[in-house]
Amino acid sequence: MNLTKNSDILEKIDDKVLKHVQAALEEDLPQGDLTTQLLNINSVEGHGKFIAKQDLILSGSNFLNAAFLLVDHTSDLNWHFGDGEEVLKGQCFLEIEGNLANFLKSERTALNYIGRMSGIASLTHQFVQEVKHTKCKILDTRKTTPLYREFEKKAVLDGGGENHRMNLSDAVMLKENHILAAGGIQKAVDSIRKRFHGPVEVETTNLEEVKQAVEAKIQRIMLDNMSNETMAEALTLIPAGIETEASGNMTLDRVKAVAEVGVDFISIGALTHSAPCADISLVFDWKN
């Protein structure tokens, strides 16, 4: 077993990932793997292959590495693809060798992570492909699984998308409830400008609000839940110096047409809140 290589792998994994995976392993193994313990197969050596059962974009390799090496640091992991690379249906992207009993302890946790992250990356890739002939960039949102946001947004990057703000501390974005509480777009922007001189984004839902946002001279206008026709009209009102972002009800069937309207960005919550888990299997063979 290549212990030096495995030690290097673990050292390169971010502490946040290691802690997250350790907690996941403890969730699944509170008192060990009862079934495997009762089988008394601790001496069985195994070889496994991770097989893509669909075309996918790989993401989450560090989580999978941690899931196996935290349980047994002597396991050998031989990757054939890296994060952000396309794996075709039927291809093997990782082979593992080592103690089968320990593999069985790590298997589900590893598959949960790699399936979730690759699912997000794969869905993002599909959206990106739909708009690649335009200037439009695909963005994620804050609609993420609690405590998974950093990891899920990394998967969006692996799929070719871009990250919107990471959290509420990351950027100024006036949404509907902010505007209502402040008494209107101009009042909200004026209040912000007394304390902050960086970029401001404003959410708008109709053409009158678009005009108000333009008059407030903000940096980006979100066109939220508008029809393609309304967005096209809105763009005639917005000067070149202000970025535009479409949002709301974005599907693979619709996103191409929205991008062709001419917006700079399309933000899509579904990238993280509705991405299906990538279909991946782990197939073992072993010898006693």
C-alpha atoms as a PDB file:
ATOM      1  CA  MET A   1       0.000   0.000   0.000  1.00  0.00           C
ATOM      2  CA  ASN A   2       1.223   3.496  -0.810  1.00  0.00           C
ATOM      3  CA  LEU A   3       1.118   5.044   2.674  1.00  0.00           C
ATOM      4  CA  THR A   4       3.217   8.069   1.674  1.00  0.00           C
ATOM      5  CA  LYS A   5       0.852   8.902  -1.176  1.00  0.00           C
ATOM      6  CA  ASN A   6      -2.189   8.519   1.072  1.00  0.00           C
ATOM      7  CA  SER A   7      -0.656  10.746   3.715  1.00  0.00           C
ATOM      8  CA  ASP A   8      -0.108  13.407   1.049  1.00  0.00           C
ATOM      9  CA  ILE A   9      -3.731  13.078  -0.098  1.00  0.00           C
ATOM     10  CA  LEU A  10      -5.077  13.591   3.418  1.00  0.00           C
ATOM     11  CA  GLU A  11      -2.831  16.601   4.032  1.00  0.00           C
ATOM     12  CA  LYS A  12      -4.191  18.298   0.902  1.00  0.00           C
ATOM     13  CA  ILE A  13      -7.834  17.888   1.918  1.00  0.00           C
ATOM     14  CA  ASP A  14      -9.320  21.008   3.506  1.00  0.00           C
ATOM     15  CA  ASP A  15     -10.004  20.704   7.246  1.00  0.00           C
ATOM     16  CA  LYS A  16     -13.653  21.646   6.654  1.00  0.00           C
ATOM     17  CA  VAL A  17     -14.038  18.663   4.338  1.00  0.00           C
ATOM     18  CA  LEU A  18     -12.301  16.298   6.768  1.00  0.00           C
ATOM     19  CA  LYS A  19     -14.496  17.416   9.668  1.00  0.00           C
ATOM     20  CA  HIS A  20     -17.639  17.159   7.562  1.00  0.00           C
ATOM     21  CA  VAL A  21     -16.801  13.642   6.370  1.00  0.00           C
ATOM     22  CA  GLN A  22     -15.780  12.539   9.863  1.00  0.00           C
ATOM     23  CA  ALA A  23     -19.172  13.654  11.164  1.00  0.00           C
ATOM     24  CA  ALA A  24     -20.911  11.812   8.310  1.00  0.00           C
ATOM     25  CA  LEU A  25     -18.980   8.624   9.091  1.00  0.00           C
ATOM     26  CA  GLU A  26     -19.908   8.895  12.767  1.00  0.00           C
ATOM     27  CA  GLU A  27     -23.540   9.333  11.752  1.00  0.00           C
ATOM     28  CA  ASP A  28     -23.406   6.073   9.762  1.00  0.00           C
ATOM     29  CA  LEU A  29     -21.123   4.147  12.158  1.00  0.00           C
ATOM     30  CA  PRO A  30     -22.172   5.155  15.688  1.00  0.00           C
ATOM     31  CA  GLN A  31     -21.157   1.731  17.001  1.00  0.00           C
ATOM     32  CA  GLY A  32     -19.458   0.278  13.932  1.00  0.00           C
ATOM     33  CA  ASP A  33     -20.849  -1.756  11.022  1.00  0.00           C
ATOM     34  CA  LEU A  34     -22.890  -4.455  12.756  1.00  0.00           C
ATOM     35  CA  THR A  35     -23.462  -6.594   9.662  1.00  0.00           C
ATOM     36  CA  THR A  36     -19.829  -6.634   8.579  1.00  0.00           C
ATOM     37  CA  GLN A  37     -18.648  -7.333  12.120  1.00  0.00           C
ATOM     38  CA  LEU A  38     -20.947 -10.351  12.410  1.00  0.00           C
ATOM     39  CA  LEU A  39     -19.692 -11.749   9.089  1.00  0.00           C
ATOM     40  CA  ASN A  40     -16.121 -11.854  10.437  1.00  0.00           C
ATOM     41  CA  ILE A  41     -14.522 -10.857   7.127  1.00  0.00           C
ATOM     42  CA  ASN A  42     -11.845  -8.543   8.537  1.00  0.00           C
ATOM     43  CA  SER A  43      -9.030 -10.275   6.630  1.00  0.00           C
ATOM     44  CA  VAL A  44     -10.667 -10.178   3.188  1.00  0.00           C
ATOM     45  CA  GLU A  45      -8.906  -7.980   0.637  1.00  0.00           C
ATOM     46  CA  GLY A  46     -10.999  -6.266  -1.991  1.00  0.00           C
ATOM     47  CA  HIS A  47     -10.826  -4.346  -5.237  1.00  0.00           C
ATOM     48  CA  GLY A  48     -13.544  -1.930  -6.261  1.00  0.00           C
ATOM     49  CA  LYS A  49     -14.476   0.183  -9.253  1.00  0.00           C
ATOM     50  CA  PHE A  50     -16.596   3.326  -9.258  1.00  0.00           C
ATOM     51  CA  ILE A  51     -18.662   3.219 -12.434  1.00  0.00           C
ATOM     52  CA  ALA A  52     -20.674   6.085 -13.933  1.00  0.00           C
ATOM     53  CA  LYS A  53     -24.152   4.831 -14.812  1.00  0.00           C
ATOM     54  CA  GLN A  54     -24.872   8.055 -16.705  1.00  0.00           C
ATOM     55  CA  ASP A  55     -22.855  10.752 -18.446  1.00  0.00           C
ATOM     56  CA  LEU A  56     -21.727  13.106 -15.680  1.00  0.00           C
ATOM     57  CA  ILE A  57     -19.341  15.852 -14.599  1.00  0.00           C
ATOM     58  CA  LEU A  58     -17.222  14.605 -11.718  1.00  0.00           C
ATOM     59  CA  SER A  59     -17.180  16.592  -8.471  1.00  0.00           C
ATOM     60  CA  GLY A  60     -16.492  15.786  -4.827  1.00  0.00           C
ATOM     61  CA  SER A  61     -13.306  13.704  -5.110  1.00  0.00           C
ATOM     62  CA  ASN A  62     -11.896  15.080  -1.851  1.00  0.00           C
ATOM     63  CA  PHE A  63     -14.973  13.900   0.039  1.00  0.00           C
ATOM     64  CA  LEU A  64     -14.634  10.414  -1.387  1.00  0.00           C
ATOM     65  CA  ASN A  65     -10.910  10.320  -0.575  1.00  0.00           C
ATOM     66  CA  ALA A  66     -11.649  11.353   2.996  1.00  0.00           C
ATOM     67  CA  ALA A  67     -14.471   8.819   3.390  1.00  0.00           C
ATOM     68  CA  PHE A  68     -12.101   5.940   2.634  1.00  0.00           C
ATOM     69  CA  LEU A  69      -8.826   7.169   4.096  1.00  0.00           C
ATOM     70  CA  LEU A  70     -10.296   8.314   7.417  1.00  0.00           C
ATOM     71  CA  VAL A  71     -11.557   4.773   7.942  1.00  0.00           C
ATOM     72  CA  ASP A  72      -8.429   3.050   6.597  1.00  0.00           C
ATOM     73  CA  HIS A  73      -5.429   5.136   5.597  1.00  0.00           C
ATOM     74  CA  THR A  74      -3.816   2.086   3.923  1.00  0.00           C
ATOM     75  CA  SER A  75      -6.448   1.942   1.162  1.00  0.00           C
ATOM     76  CA  ASP A  76      -5.163   2.534  -2.373  1.00  0.00           C
ATOM     77  CA  LEU A  77      -7.141   4.984  -4.516  1.00  0.00           C
ATOM     78  CA  ASN A  78      -6.353   5.266  -8.217  1.00  0.00           C
ATOM     79  CA  TRP A  79      -8.267   8.093  -9.927  1.00  0.00           C
ATOM     80  CA  HIS A  80      -8.751   8.081 -13.690  1.00  0.00           C
ATOM     81  CA  PHE A  81     -10.631  11.422 -13.837  1.00  0.00           C
ATOM     82  CA  GLY A  82     -10.579  14.644 -11.827  1.00  0.00           C
ATOM     83  CA  ASP A  83     -13.153  17.152 -10.636  1.00  0.00           C
ATOM     84  CA  GLY A  84     -14.692  19.099 -13.500  1.00  0.00           C
ATOM     85  CA  GLU A  85     -14.007  16.375 -16.082  1.00  0.00           C
ATOM     86  CA  GLU A  86     -16.692  14.571 -18.063  1.00  0.00           C
ATOM     87  CA  VAL A  87     -17.170  10.872 -17.353  1.00  0.00           C
ATOM     88  CA  LEU A  88     -19.252   8.925 -19.835  1.00  0.00           C
ATOM     89  CA  LYS A  89     -21.802   6.258 -18.945  1.00  0.00           C
ATOM     90  CA  GLY A  90     -20.042   2.969 -18.278  1.00  0.00           C
ATOM     91  CA  GLN A  91     -16.616   4.473 -17.590  1.00  0.00           C
ATOM     92  CA  CYS A  92     -14.669   3.711 -14.416  1.00  0.00           C
ATOM     93  CA  PHE A  93     -13.411   6.896 -12.794  1.00  0.00           C
ATOM     94  CA  LEU A  94     -11.800   5.414  -9.658  1.00  0.00           C
ATOM     95  CA  GLU A  95     -10.356   2.068  -8.572  1.00  0.00           C
ATOM     96  CA  ILE A  96      -9.731   1.186  -4.930  1.00  0.00           C
ATOM     97  CA  GLU A  97      -7.814  -1.662  -3.308  1.00  0.00           C
ATOM     98  CA  GLY A  98      -7.581  -2.689   0.319  1.00  0.00           C
ATOM     99  CA  ASN A  99      -9.507  -4.212   3.188  1.00  0.00           C
ATOM    100  CA  LEU A 100     -13.038  -5.085   2.097  1.00  0.00           C
ATOM    101  CA  ALA A 101     -14.549  -4.720   5.572  1.00  0.00           C
ATOM    102  CA  ASN A 102     -13.282  -1.149   5.773  1.00  0.00           C
ATOM    103  CA  PHE A 103     -14.543  -0.409   2.261  1.00  0.00           C
ATOM    104  CA  LEU A 104     -18.027  -1.484   3.331  1.00  0.00           C
ATOM    105  CA  LYS A 105     -17.889   1.012   6.199  1.00  0.00           C
ATOM    106  CA  SER A 106     -17.027   3.889   3.843  1.00  0.00           C
ATOM    107  CA  GLU A 107     -19.083   2.898   0.801  1.00  0.00           C
ATOM    108  CA  ARG A 108     -22.405   4.684   1.421  1.00  0.00           C
ATOM    109  CA  THR A 109     -20.871   7.866   2.811  1.00  0.00           C
ATOM    110  CA  ALA A 110     -18.525   8.083  -0.168  1.00  0.00           C
ATOM    111  CA  LEU A 111     -21.326   7.486  -2.681  1.00  0.00           C
ATOM    112  CA  ASN A 112     -23.588  10.025  -0.982  1.00  0.00           C
ATOM    113  CA  TYR A 113     -20.963  12.747  -1.353  1.00  0.00           C
ATOM    114  CA  ILE A 114     -19.752  11.960  -4.859  1.00  0.00           C
ATOM    115  CA  GLY A 115     -23.304  11.466  -6.105  1.00  0.00           C
ATOM    116  CA  ARG A 116     -24.551  14.737  -4.631  1.00  0.00           C
ATOM    117  CA  MET A 117     -21.659  16.879  -5.833  1.00  0.00           C
ATOM    118  CA  SER A 118     -21.451  15.262  -9.276  1.00  0.00           C
ATOM    119  CA  GLY A 119     -25.206  15.697  -9.636  1.00  0.00           C
ATOM    120  CA  ILE A 120     -24.897  19.447  -9.066  1.00  0.00           C
ATOM    121  CA  ALA A 121     -21.919  19.722 -11.415  1.00  0.00           C
ATOM    122  CA  SER A 122     -23.713  17.718 -14.100  1.00  0.00           C
ATOM    123  CA  LEU A 123     -26.908  19.795 -13.953  1.00  0.00           C
ATOM    124  CA  THR A 124     -24.868  23.001 -14.004  1.00  0.00           C
ATOM    125  CA  HIS A 125     -23.026  21.749 -17.075  1.00  0.00           C
ATOM    126  CA  GLN A 126     -26.321  21.160 -18.874  1.00  0.00           C
ATOM    127  CA  PHE A 127     -27.425  24.748 -18.225  1.00  0.00           C
ATOM    128  CA  VAL A 128     -24.037  26.122 -19.262  1.00  0.00           C
ATOM    129  CA  GLN A 129     -24.184  24.190 -22.530  1.00  0.00           C
ATOM    130  CA  GLU A 130     -27.581  25.701 -23.321  1.00  0.00           C
ATOM    131  CA  VAL A 131     -26.234  29.281 -23.171  1.00  0.00           C
ATOM    132  CA  LYS A 132     -22.659  28.800 -24.396  1.00  0.00           C
ATOM    133  CA  HIS A 133     -23.391  30.605 -27.687  1.00  0.00           C
ATOM    134  CA  THR A 134     -24.278  33.792 -25.775  1.00  0.00           C
ATOM    135  CA  LYS A 135     -22.455  36.162 -23.413  1.00  0.00           C
ATOM    136  CA  CYS A 136     -24.650  34.989 -20.530  1.00  0.00           C
ATOM    137  CA  LYS A 137     -23.125  33.329 -17.445  1.00  0.00           C
ATOM    138  CA  ILE A 138     -24.910  30.803 -15.239  1.00  0.00           C
ATOM    139  CA  LEU A 139     -24.970  31.623 -11.511  1.00  0.00           C
ATOM    140  CA  ASP A 140     -25.975  29.667  -8.437  1.00  0.00           C
ATOM    141  CA  THR A 141     -27.920  31.084  -5.459  1.00  0.00           C
ATOM    142  CA  ARG A 142     -28.061  30.695  -1.677  1.00  0.00           C
ATOM    143  CA  LYS A 143     -30.677  27.945  -2.031  1.00  0.00           C
ATOM    144  CA  THR A 144     -28.273  25.330  -0.745  1.00  0.00           C
ATOM    145  CA  THR A 145     -28.371  22.491   1.767  1.00  0.00           C
ATOM    146  CA  PRO A 146     -27.596  23.929   5.238  1.00  0.00           C
ATOM    147  CA  LEU A 147     -23.898  23.552   6.083  1.00  0.00           C
ATOM    148  CA  TYR A 148     -23.154  22.250   2.555  1.00  0.00           C
ATOM    149  CA  ARG A 149     -23.094  25.640   0.794  1.00  0.00           C
ATOM    150  CA  GLU A 150     -19.345  25.966   0.256  1.00  0.00           C
ATOM    151  CA  PHE A 151     -19.161  22.418  -1.086  1.00  0.00           C
ATOM    152  CA  GLU A 152     -22.213  22.686  -3.325  1.00  0.00           C
ATOM    153  CA  LYS A 153     -21.011  25.981  -4.765  1.00  0.00           C
ATOM    154  CA  LYS A 154     -17.676  24.327  -5.541  1.00  0.00           C
ATOM    155  CA  ALA A 155     -19.635  21.693  -7.484  1.00  0.00           C
ATOM    156  CA  VAL A 156     -21.284  24.489  -9.486  1.00  0.00           C
ATOM    157  CA  LEU A 157     -17.802  25.718 -10.439  1.00  0.00           C
ATOM    158  CA  ASP A 158     -16.826  22.172 -11.463  1.00  0.00           C
ATOM    159  CA  GLY A 159     -19.843  22.185 -13.779  1.00  0.00           C
ATOM    160  CA  GLY A 160     -18.737  25.399 -15.480  1.00  0.00           C
ATOM    161  CA  GLY A 161     -21.069  27.779 -13.662  1.00  0.00           C
ATOM    162  CA  GLU A 162     -20.164  30.777 -11.526  1.00  0.00           C
ATOM    163  CA  ASN A 163     -20.899  31.611  -7.907  1.00  0.00           C
ATOM    164  CA  HIS A 164     -23.271  34.383  -6.865  1.00  0.00           C
ATOM    165  CA  ARG A 165     -22.710  35.745  -3.353  1.00  0.00           C
ATOM    166  CA  MET A 166     -21.624  33.104  -0.869  1.00  0.00           C
ATOM    167  CA  ASN A 167     -23.672  34.473   2.031  1.00  0.00           C
ATOM    168  CA  LEU A 168     -25.476  37.546   3.369  1.00  0.00           C
ATOM    169  CA  SER A 169     -22.157  39.079   4.439  1.00  0.00           C
ATOM    170  CA  ASP A 170     -20.696  38.788   0.956  1.00  0.00           C
ATOM    171  CA  ALA A 171     -22.577  41.425  -1.059  1.00  0.00           C
ATOM    172  CA  VAL A 172     -25.353  44.022  -0.949  1.00  0.00           C
ATOM    173  CA  MET A 173     -28.516  42.832  -2.633  1.00  0.00           C
ATOM    174  CA  LEU A 174     -31.826  44.617  -2.107  1.00  0.00           C
ATOM    175  CA  LYS A 175     -34.716  42.189  -2.414  1.00  0.00           C
ATOM    176  CA  GLU A 176     -38.445  42.791  -2.233  1.00  0.00           C
ATOM    177  CA  ASN A 177     -38.750  42.755   1.559  1.00  0.00           C
ATOM    178  CA  HIS A 178     -35.770  45.101   2.000  1.00  0.00           C
ATOM    179  CA  ILE A 179     -37.347  47.557  -0.418  1.00  0.00           C
ATOM    180  CA  LEU A 180     -40.750  47.380   1.267  1.00  0.00           C
ATOM    181  CA  ALA A 181     -39.208  47.920   4.695  1.00  0.00           C
ATOM    182  CA  ALA A 182     -37.178  50.925   3.473  1.00  0.00           C
ATOM    183  CA  GLY A 183     -40.115  52.540   1.677  1.00  0.00           C
ATOM    184  CA  GLY A 184     -39.019  52.087  -1.928  1.00  0.00           C
ATOM    185  CA  ILE A 185     -35.994  51.470  -4.128  1.00  0.00           C
ATOM    186  CA  GLN A 186     -34.567  54.996  -4.024  1.00  0.00           C
ATOM    187  CA  LYS A 187     -34.910  55.263  -0.248  1.00  0.00           C
ATOM    188  CA  ALA A 188     -33.333  51.858   0.201  1.00  0.00           C
ATOM    189  CA  VAL A 189     -30.371  52.735  -2.042  1.00  0.00           C
ATOM    190  CA  ASP A 190     -29.923  56.143  -0.390  1.00  0.00           C
ATOM    191  CA  SER A 191     -29.820  54.475   3.021  1.00  0.00           C
ATOM    192  CA  ILE A 192     -27.250  51.960   1.825  1.00  0.00           C
ATOM    193  CA  ARG A 193     -25.091  54.663   0.229  1.00  0.00           C
ATOM    194  CA  LYS A 194     -24.762  56.519   3.535  1.00  0.00           C
ATOM    195  CA  ARG A 195     -22.870  53.533   4.937  1.00  0.00           C
ATOM    196  CA  PHE A 196     -21.501  51.628   1.947  1.00  0.00           C
ATOM    197  CA  HIS A 197     -19.817  52.612  -1.319  1.00  0.00           C
ATOM    198  CA  GLY A 198     -19.454  49.235  -3.028  1.00  0.00           C
ATOM    199  CA  PRO A 199     -21.641  47.609  -5.693  1.00  0.00           C
ATOM    200  CA  VAL A 200     -25.368  47.215  -5.079  1.00  0.00           C
ATOM    201  CA  GLU A 201     -27.793  44.810  -6.747  1.00  0.00           C
ATOM    202  CA  VAL A 202     -31.541  45.474  -6.774  1.00  0.00           C
ATOM    203  CA  GLU A 203     -34.304  42.950  -7.417  1.00  0.00           C
ATOM    204  CA  THR A 204     -37.081  44.201  -9.698  1.00  0.00           C
ATOM    205  CA  THR A 205     -40.353  42.568 -10.687  1.00  0.00           C
ATOM    206  CA  ASN A 206     -41.801  45.031 -13.209  1.00  0.00           C
ATOM    207  CA  LEU A 207     -40.773  47.798 -15.608  1.00  0.00           C
ATOM    208  CA  GLU A 208     -41.566  50.620 -13.176  1.00  0.00           C
ATOM    209  CA  GLU A 209     -39.148  49.116 -10.645  1.00  0.00           C
ATOM    210  CA  VAL A 210     -36.540  48.736 -13.400  1.00  0.00           C
ATOM    211  CA  LYS A 211     -36.805  52.474 -14.136  1.00  0.00           C
ATOM    212  CA  GLN A 212     -36.400  53.274 -10.436  1.00  0.00           C
ATOM    213  CA  ALA A 213     -33.328  51.028 -10.167  1.00  0.00           C
ATOM    214  CA  VAL A 214     -31.766  52.708 -13.199  1.00  0.00           C
ATOM    215  CA  GLU A 215     -32.407  56.147 -11.688  1.00  0.00           C
ATOM    216  CA  ALA A 216     -30.760  54.977  -8.462  1.00  0.00           C
ATOM    217  CA  LYS A 217     -27.585  54.210 -10.469  1.00  0.00           C
ATOM    218  CA  ILE A 218     -26.946  50.799  -8.994  1.00  0.00           C
ATOM    219  CA  GLN A 219     -24.511  48.239 -10.427  1.00  0.00           C
ATOM    220  CA  ARG A 220     -26.765  45.261 -11.233  1.00  0.00           C
ATOM    221  CA  ILE A 221     -30.487  44.846 -11.775  1.00  0.00           C
ATOM    222  CA  MET A 222     -32.169  41.502 -11.216  1.00  0.00           C
ATOM    223  CA  LEU A 223     -35.164  40.854 -13.456  1.00  0.00           C
ATOM    224  CA  ASP A 224     -37.167  38.502 -11.264  1.00  0.00           C
ATOM    225  CA  ASN A 225     -39.935  36.251 -12.556  1.00  0.00           C
ATOM    226  CA  MET A 226     -40.465  38.274 -15.722  1.00  0.00           C
ATOM    227  CA  SER A 227     -41.588  36.935 -19.066  1.00  0.00           C
ATOM    228  CA  ASN A 228     -39.043  36.943 -21.871  1.00  0.00           C
ATOM    229  CA  GLU A 229     -40.956  39.751 -23.557  1.00  0.00           C
ATOM    230  CA  THR A 230     -40.897  41.907 -20.405  1.00  0.00           C
ATOM    231  CA  MET A 231     -37.186  41.252 -19.921  1.00  0.00           C
ATOM    232  CA  ALA A 232     -36.495  42.307 -23.492  1.00  0.00           C
ATOM    233  CA  GLU A 233     -38.358  45.561 -22.878  1.00  0.00           C
ATOM    234  CA  ALA A 234     -36.513  46.060 -19.591  1.00  0.00           C
ATOM    235  CA  LEU A 235     -33.168  45.790 -21.351  1.00  0.00           C
ATOM    236  CA  THR A 236     -34.109  48.768 -23.539  1.00  0.00           C
ATOM    237  CA  LEU A 237     -34.402  50.811 -20.340  1.00  0.00           C
ATOM    238  CA  ILE A 238     -31.112  49.715 -18.766  1.00  0.00           C
ATOM    239  CA  PRO A 239     -27.893  51.498 -19.842  1.00  0.00           C
ATOM    240  CA  ALA A 240     -24.814  49.487 -20.819  1.00  0.00           C
ATOM    241  CA  GLY A 241     -23.007  50.252 -17.561  1.00  0.00           C
ATOM    242  CA  ILE A 242     -25.505  48.324 -15.441  1.00  0.00           C
ATOM    243  CA  GLU A 243     -25.297  44.519 -15.348  1.00  0.00           C
ATOM    244  CA  THR A 244     -28.468  42.475 -15.757  1.00  0.00           C
ATOM    245  CA  GLU A 245     -29.457  39.203 -14.130  1.00  0.00           C
ATOM    246  CA  ALA A 246     -32.520  37.101 -14.898  1.00  0.00           C
ATOM    247  CA  SER A 247     -33.970  34.924 -12.161  1.00  0.00           C
ATOM    248  CA  GLY A 248     -37.039  32.843 -11.387  1.00  0.00           C
ATOM    249  CA  ASN A 249     -38.563  29.747 -13.000  1.00  0.00           C
ATOM    250  CA  MET A 250     -35.422  28.912 -14.981  1.00  0.00           C
ATOM    251  CA  THR A 251     -35.539  25.476 -16.597  1.00  0.00           C
ATOM    252  CA  LEU A 252     -33.395  23.734 -19.178  1.00  0.00           C
ATOM    253  CA  ASP A 253     -36.191  24.201 -21.688  1.00  0.00           C
ATOM    254  CA  ARG A 254     -36.343  27.952 -21.127  1.00  0.00           C
ATOM    255  CA  VAL A 255     -32.815  29.082 -20.264  1.00  0.00           C
ATOM    256  CA  LYS A 256     -31.550  29.321 -23.862  1.00  0.00           C
ATOM    257  CA  ALA A 257     -34.305  31.730 -24.854  1.00  0.00           C
ATOM    258  CA  VAL A 258     -33.711  33.842 -21.746  1.00  0.00           C
ATOM    259  CA  ALA A 259     -29.990  34.078 -22.479  1.00  0.00           C
ATOM    260  CA  GLU A 260     -30.749  35.104 -26.054  1.00  0.00           C
ATOM    261  CA  VAL A 261     -32.757  38.071 -24.730  1.00  0.00           C
ATOM    262  CA  GLY A 262     -29.356  39.539 -23.837  1.00  0.00           C
ATOM    263  CA  VAL A 263     -28.987  39.401 -20.044  1.00  0.00           C
ATOM    264  CA  ASP A 264     -25.503  39.132 -18.548  1.00  0.00           C
ATOM    265  CA  PHE A 265     -26.352  36.495 -15.941  1.00  0.00           C
ATOM    266  CA  ILE A 266     -29.023  33.942 -15.126  1.00  0.00           C
ATOM    267  CA  SER A 267     -29.236  32.790 -11.498  1.00  0.00           C
ATOM    268  CA  ILE A 268     -30.738  29.346 -10.941  1.00  0.00           C
ATOM    269  CA  GLY A 269     -31.665  27.972  -7.523  1.00  0.00           C
ATOM    270  CA  ALA A 270     -32.344  24.547  -9.010  1.00  0.00           C
ATOM    271  CA  LEU A 271     -28.614  23.978  -9.527  1.00  0.00           C
ATOM    272  CA  THR A 272     -28.303  23.220  -5.832  1.00  0.00           C
ATOM    273  CA  HIS A 273     -31.793  22.688  -4.443  1.00  0.00           C
ATOM    274  CA  SER A 274     -33.095  20.336  -7.155  1.00  0.00           C
ATOM    275  CA  ALA A 275     -30.118  18.617  -8.757  1.00  0.00           C
ATOM    276  CA  PRO A 276     -30.660  14.839  -8.907  1.00  0.00           C
ATOM    277  CA  CYS A 277     -27.981  12.644  -7.399  1.00  0.00           C
ATOM    278  CA  ALA A 278     -25.640  11.357 -10.097  1.00  0.00           C
ATOM    279  CA  ASP A 279     -26.107   7.642 -10.758  1.00  0.00           C
ATOM    280  CA  ILE A 280     -22.880   5.951  -9.673  1.00  0.00           C
ATOM    281  CA  SER A 281     -22.191   2.378  -8.588  1.00  0.00           C
ATOM    282  CA  LEU A 282     -19.335   0.780  -6.664  1.00  0.00           C
ATOM    283  CA  VAL A 283     -18.643  -2.764  -7.851  1.00  0.00           C
ATOM    284  CA  PHE A 284     -16.428  -5.078  -5.750  1.00  0.00           C
ATOM    285  CA  ASP A 285     -14.445  -8.201  -6.420  1.00  0.00           C
ATOM    286  CA  TRP A 286     -12.398  -9.875  -3.725  1.00  0.00           C
ATOM    287  CA  LYS A 287     -10.391 -12.870  -2.627  1.00  0.00           C
ATOM    288  CA  ASN A 288     -10.258 -14.589   0.776  1.00  0.00           C
END
